[in-house]
């Protein structure tokens, strides 16, 4: 398959994330890691400075959606901001989950600015042994 590539596309995306805060209509992406640990998939999202009550996790069919909002810190009236580099606004990420995952038993924990979502592998997708029966004679198939 032949695909066209634009070497500046990724640079434009990164610049847009850094310069423009996210809004509900156009949220910024959040960094994440995803890996398998035993019988579950683990997805870890970096959300430093976000309170737990500002995080929203939804699953609909096989689509996992994580939204978070980093709100400005309330300052006293006599505070004058000299430098503000930490992005504020809305952050969002959607992940398509495989049919082999158990979306009914998803668990989420938030600690030290990292949201960890654990998704167990469904029982039907786990490897299992199949026993082989040994027949005591020949069987006839009637048709």
C-alpha atoms as a PDB file:
ATOM      1  CA  UNK A   1       0.000   0.000   0.000  1.00  0.00           C
ATOM      2  CA  UNK A   2       1.316   3.428  -0.908  1.00  0.00           C
ATOM      3  CA  UNK A   3       0.724   6.255   1.550  1.00  0.00           C
ATOM      4  CA  UNK A   4       1.453   9.939   1.219  1.00  0.00           C
ATOM      5  CA  UNK A   5       3.297  11.499   4.103  1.00  0.00           C
ATOM      6  CA  UNK A   6       3.543  15.103   5.167  1.00  0.00           C
ATOM      7  CA  UNK A   7       6.711  15.735   7.202  1.00  0.00           C
ATOM      8  CA  UNK A   8       5.224  18.886   8.745  1.00  0.00           C
ATOM      9  CA  UNK A   9       1.908  17.352   9.815  1.00  0.00           C
ATOM     10  CA  UNK A  10       3.232  16.026  13.140  1.00  0.00           C
ATOM     11  CA  UNK A  11       5.047  19.300  13.811  1.00  0.00           C
ATOM     12  CA  UNK A  12       1.839  21.251  13.202  1.00  0.00           C
ATOM     13  CA  UNK A  13      -0.091  18.933  15.542  1.00  0.00           C
ATOM     14  CA  UNK A  14       2.462  19.367  18.331  1.00  0.00           C
ATOM     15  CA  UNK A  15       2.575  23.154  17.895  1.00  0.00           C
ATOM     16  CA  UNK A  16      -1.223  23.294  18.016  1.00  0.00           C
ATOM     17  CA  UNK A  17      -1.265  21.299  21.269  1.00  0.00           C
ATOM     18  CA  UNK A  18       1.289  23.574  22.877  1.00  0.00           C
ATOM     19  CA  UNK A  19      -0.154  26.889  21.729  1.00  0.00           C
ATOM     20  CA  UNK A  20      -3.911  26.402  21.922  1.00  0.00           C
ATOM     21  CA  UNK A  21      -5.593  25.158  25.096  1.00  0.00           C
ATOM     22  CA  UNK A  22      -8.253  22.508  24.664  1.00  0.00           C
ATOM     23  CA  UNK A  23     -11.952  23.294  24.658  1.00  0.00           C
ATOM     24  CA  UNK A  24     -14.918  20.922  24.900  1.00  0.00           C
ATOM     25  CA  UNK A  25     -15.428  21.201  21.155  1.00  0.00           C
ATOM     26  CA  UNK A  26     -11.715  20.693  20.376  1.00  0.00           C
ATOM     27  CA  UNK A  27      -9.851  19.042  23.263  1.00  0.00           C
ATOM     28  CA  UNK A  28      -6.082  18.567  23.380  1.00  0.00           C
ATOM     29  CA  UNK A  29      -4.634  15.046  23.422  1.00  0.00           C
ATOM     30  CA  UNK A  30      -3.088  13.570  26.566  1.00  0.00           C
ATOM     31  CA  UNK A  31       0.006  11.348  26.583  1.00  0.00           C
ATOM     32  CA  UNK A  32      -0.538   7.686  27.424  1.00  0.00           C
ATOM     33  CA  UNK A  33       1.126   4.289  27.688  1.00  0.00           C
ATOM     34  CA  UNK A  34      -0.664   1.001  26.967  1.00  0.00           C
ATOM     35  CA  UNK A  35       0.576  -2.490  27.783  1.00  0.00           C
ATOM     36  CA  UNK A  36      -0.556  -5.988  28.724  1.00  0.00           C
ATOM     37  CA  UNK A  37       0.056  -7.156  32.285  1.00  0.00           C
ATOM     38  CA  UNK A  38      -1.017 -10.739  32.931  1.00  0.00           C
ATOM     39  CA  UNK A  39      -4.711 -11.136  32.133  1.00  0.00           C
ATOM     40  CA  UNK A  40      -5.485  -7.451  31.667  1.00  0.00           C
ATOM     41  CA  UNK A  41      -4.595  -4.470  29.528  1.00  0.00           C
ATOM     42  CA  UNK A  42      -3.370  -1.376  31.318  1.00  0.00           C
ATOM     43  CA  UNK A  43      -3.594   2.152  29.945  1.00  0.00           C
ATOM     44  CA  UNK A  44      -1.860   4.958  31.869  1.00  0.00           C
ATOM     45  CA  UNK A  45      -2.671   8.603  31.101  1.00  0.00           C
ATOM     46  CA  UNK A  46      -0.520  11.534  32.242  1.00  0.00           C
ATOM     47  CA  UNK A  47      -2.765  14.175  33.827  1.00  0.00           C
ATOM     48  CA  UNK A  48      -0.582  16.272  36.121  1.00  0.00           C
ATOM     49  CA  UNK A  49      -2.377  19.057  37.952  1.00  0.00           C
ATOM     50  CA  UNK A  50      -5.828  17.598  37.295  1.00  0.00           C
ATOM     51  CA  UNK A  51      -8.076  16.799  40.243  1.00  0.00           C
ATOM     52  CA  UNK A  52      -9.851  13.437  40.322  1.00  0.00           C
ATOM     53  CA  UNK A  53     -13.287  15.089  40.138  1.00  0.00           C
ATOM     54  CA  UNK A  54     -12.297  16.762  36.841  1.00  0.00           C
ATOM     55  CA  UNK A  55     -11.793  13.385  35.091  1.00  0.00           C
ATOM     56  CA  UNK A  56     -14.588  11.667  33.158  1.00  0.00           C
ATOM     57  CA  UNK A  57     -14.291   8.092  31.859  1.00  0.00           C
ATOM     58  CA  UNK A  58     -16.935   6.563  29.583  1.00  0.00           C
ATOM     59  CA  UNK A  59     -17.176   3.306  27.699  1.00  0.00           C
ATOM     60  CA  UNK A  60     -19.732   2.768  24.959  1.00  0.00           C
ATOM     61  CA  UNK A  61     -19.595  -0.548  23.139  1.00  0.00           C
ATOM     62  CA  UNK A  62     -15.886  -0.824  22.367  1.00  0.00           C
ATOM     63  CA  UNK A  63     -14.933   2.882  22.617  1.00  0.00           C
ATOM     64  CA  UNK A  64     -13.187   4.096  25.781  1.00  0.00           C
ATOM     65  CA  UNK A  65     -13.240   7.889  26.200  1.00  0.00           C
ATOM     66  CA  UNK A  66     -11.231   9.766  28.820  1.00  0.00           C
ATOM     67  CA  UNK A  67     -11.777  13.514  29.292  1.00  0.00           C
ATOM     68  CA  UNK A  68     -10.082  15.735  31.849  1.00  0.00           C
ATOM     69  CA  UNK A  69     -10.004  19.431  32.584  1.00  0.00           C
ATOM     70  CA  UNK A  70      -7.082  21.303  34.088  1.00  0.00           C
ATOM     71  CA  UNK A  71      -8.562  24.394  35.684  1.00  0.00           C
ATOM     72  CA  UNK A  72      -6.674  27.554  36.622  1.00  0.00           C
ATOM     73  CA  UNK A  73      -5.550  27.870  40.222  1.00  0.00           C
ATOM     74  CA  UNK A  74      -7.434  30.567  42.096  1.00  0.00           C
ATOM     75  CA  UNK A  75      -5.043  33.381  42.955  1.00  0.00           C
ATOM     76  CA  UNK A  76      -5.338  36.346  45.275  1.00  0.00           C
ATOM     77  CA  UNK A  77      -6.193  39.756  43.804  1.00  0.00           C
ATOM     78  CA  UNK A  78      -2.672  41.112  44.309  1.00  0.00           C
ATOM     79  CA  UNK A  79      -0.935  38.292  42.344  1.00  0.00           C
ATOM     80  CA  UNK A  80       0.554  39.251  38.993  1.00  0.00           C
ATOM     81  CA  UNK A  81       1.368  36.325  36.671  1.00  0.00           C
ATOM     82  CA  UNK A  82       4.898  36.599  35.240  1.00  0.00           C
ATOM     83  CA  UNK A  83       5.054  33.339  33.290  1.00  0.00           C
ATOM     84  CA  UNK A  84       2.390  30.741  32.471  1.00  0.00           C
ATOM     85  CA  UNK A  85       3.552  27.694  30.476  1.00  0.00           C
ATOM     86  CA  UNK A  86       1.384  24.924  31.909  1.00  0.00           C
ATOM     87  CA  UNK A  87      -1.542  24.302  29.574  1.00  0.00           C
ATOM     88  CA  UNK A  88      -5.061  24.707  30.917  1.00  0.00           C
ATOM     89  CA  UNK A  89      -8.270  23.490  29.375  1.00  0.00           C
ATOM     90  CA  UNK A  90      -9.730  20.202  28.208  1.00  0.00           C
ATOM     91  CA  UNK A  91      -7.775  17.052  27.394  1.00  0.00           C
ATOM     92  CA  UNK A  92      -9.316  14.000  25.760  1.00  0.00           C
ATOM     93  CA  UNK A  93      -8.371  10.607  24.379  1.00  0.00           C
ATOM     94  CA  UNK A  94     -10.446   7.872  22.724  1.00  0.00           C
ATOM     95  CA  UNK A  95      -9.324   4.279  22.399  1.00  0.00           C
ATOM     96  CA  UNK A  96     -11.021   1.540  20.398  1.00  0.00           C
ATOM     97  CA  UNK A  97     -11.081  -1.611  22.536  1.00  0.00           C
ATOM     98  CA  UNK A  98     -10.885  -5.100  21.060  1.00  0.00           C
ATOM     99  CA  UNK A  99     -13.868  -7.436  21.351  1.00  0.00           C
ATOM    100  CA  UNK A 100     -11.694  -9.737  23.456  1.00  0.00           C
ATOM    101  CA  UNK A 101     -11.717  -7.282  26.391  1.00  0.00           C
ATOM    102  CA  UNK A 102     -14.250  -7.323  29.228  1.00  0.00           C
ATOM    103  CA  UNK A 103     -15.676  -3.789  29.247  1.00  0.00           C
ATOM    104  CA  UNK A 104     -18.051  -4.660  32.121  1.00  0.00           C
ATOM    105  CA  UNK A 105     -15.201  -4.904  34.650  1.00  0.00           C
ATOM    106  CA  UNK A 106     -12.979  -1.894  33.874  1.00  0.00           C
ATOM    107  CA  UNK A 107     -11.211  -0.366  36.889  1.00  0.00           C
ATOM    108  CA  UNK A 108      -9.622   3.074  37.141  1.00  0.00           C
ATOM    109  CA  UNK A 109      -7.262   4.579  39.734  1.00  0.00           C
ATOM    110  CA  UNK A 110      -5.767   8.046  39.926  1.00  0.00           C
ATOM    111  CA  UNK A 111      -2.537   8.667  41.817  1.00  0.00           C
ATOM    112  CA  UNK A 112       0.231  11.287  41.537  1.00  0.00           C
ATOM    113  CA  UNK A 113      -1.128  12.745  38.291  1.00  0.00           C
ATOM    114  CA  UNK A 114      -1.417   9.384  36.517  1.00  0.00           C
ATOM    115  CA  UNK A 115      -4.784   7.835  35.630  1.00  0.00           C
ATOM    116  CA  UNK A 116      -4.442   4.051  35.345  1.00  0.00           C
ATOM    117  CA  UNK A 117      -7.243   2.155  33.602  1.00  0.00           C
ATOM    118  CA  UNK A 118      -7.227  -1.655  33.848  1.00  0.00           C
ATOM    119  CA  UNK A 119      -9.283  -3.661  31.361  1.00  0.00           C
ATOM    120  CA  UNK A 120      -9.492  -7.428  31.919  1.00  0.00           C
ATOM    121  CA  UNK A 121      -9.290  -9.883  29.053  1.00  0.00           C
ATOM    122  CA  UNK A 122     -12.605 -11.673  28.527  1.00  0.00           C
ATOM    123  CA  UNK A 123     -12.748 -15.347  29.548  1.00  0.00           C
ATOM    124  CA  UNK A 124     -13.674 -16.384  26.004  1.00  0.00           C
ATOM    125  CA  UNK A 125     -10.419 -14.860  24.692  1.00  0.00           C
ATOM    126  CA  UNK A 126      -8.069 -16.578  27.146  1.00  0.00           C
ATOM    127  CA  UNK A 127      -6.122 -19.613  25.899  1.00  0.00           C
ATOM    128  CA  UNK A 128      -7.544 -22.951  27.004  1.00  0.00           C
ATOM    129  CA  UNK A 129      -6.788 -26.640  26.527  1.00  0.00           C
ATOM    130  CA  UNK A 130      -9.041 -28.759  24.376  1.00  0.00           C
ATOM    131  CA  UNK A 131      -9.299 -32.400  25.368  1.00  0.00           C
ATOM    132  CA  UNK A 132      -9.159 -35.020  22.676  1.00  0.00           C
ATOM    133  CA  UNK A 133     -11.582 -37.900  22.887  1.00  0.00           C
ATOM    134  CA  UNK A 134     -10.533 -41.356  21.757  1.00  0.00           C
ATOM    135  CA  UNK A 135     -13.300 -43.329  20.130  1.00  0.00           C
ATOM    136  CA  UNK A 136     -13.822 -47.010  20.921  1.00  0.00           C
ATOM    137  CA  UNK A 137     -14.821 -47.841  17.403  1.00  0.00           C
ATOM    138  CA  UNK A 138     -15.722 -46.418  14.069  1.00  0.00           C
ATOM    139  CA  UNK A 139     -18.665 -44.123  13.751  1.00  0.00           C
ATOM    140  CA  UNK A 140     -21.009 -44.105  10.845  1.00  0.00           C
ATOM    141  CA  UNK A 141     -22.338 -40.853   9.471  1.00  0.00           C
ATOM    142  CA  UNK A 142     -25.825 -41.144   8.132  1.00  0.00           C
ATOM    143  CA  UNK A 143     -26.820 -38.679   5.483  1.00  0.00           C
END
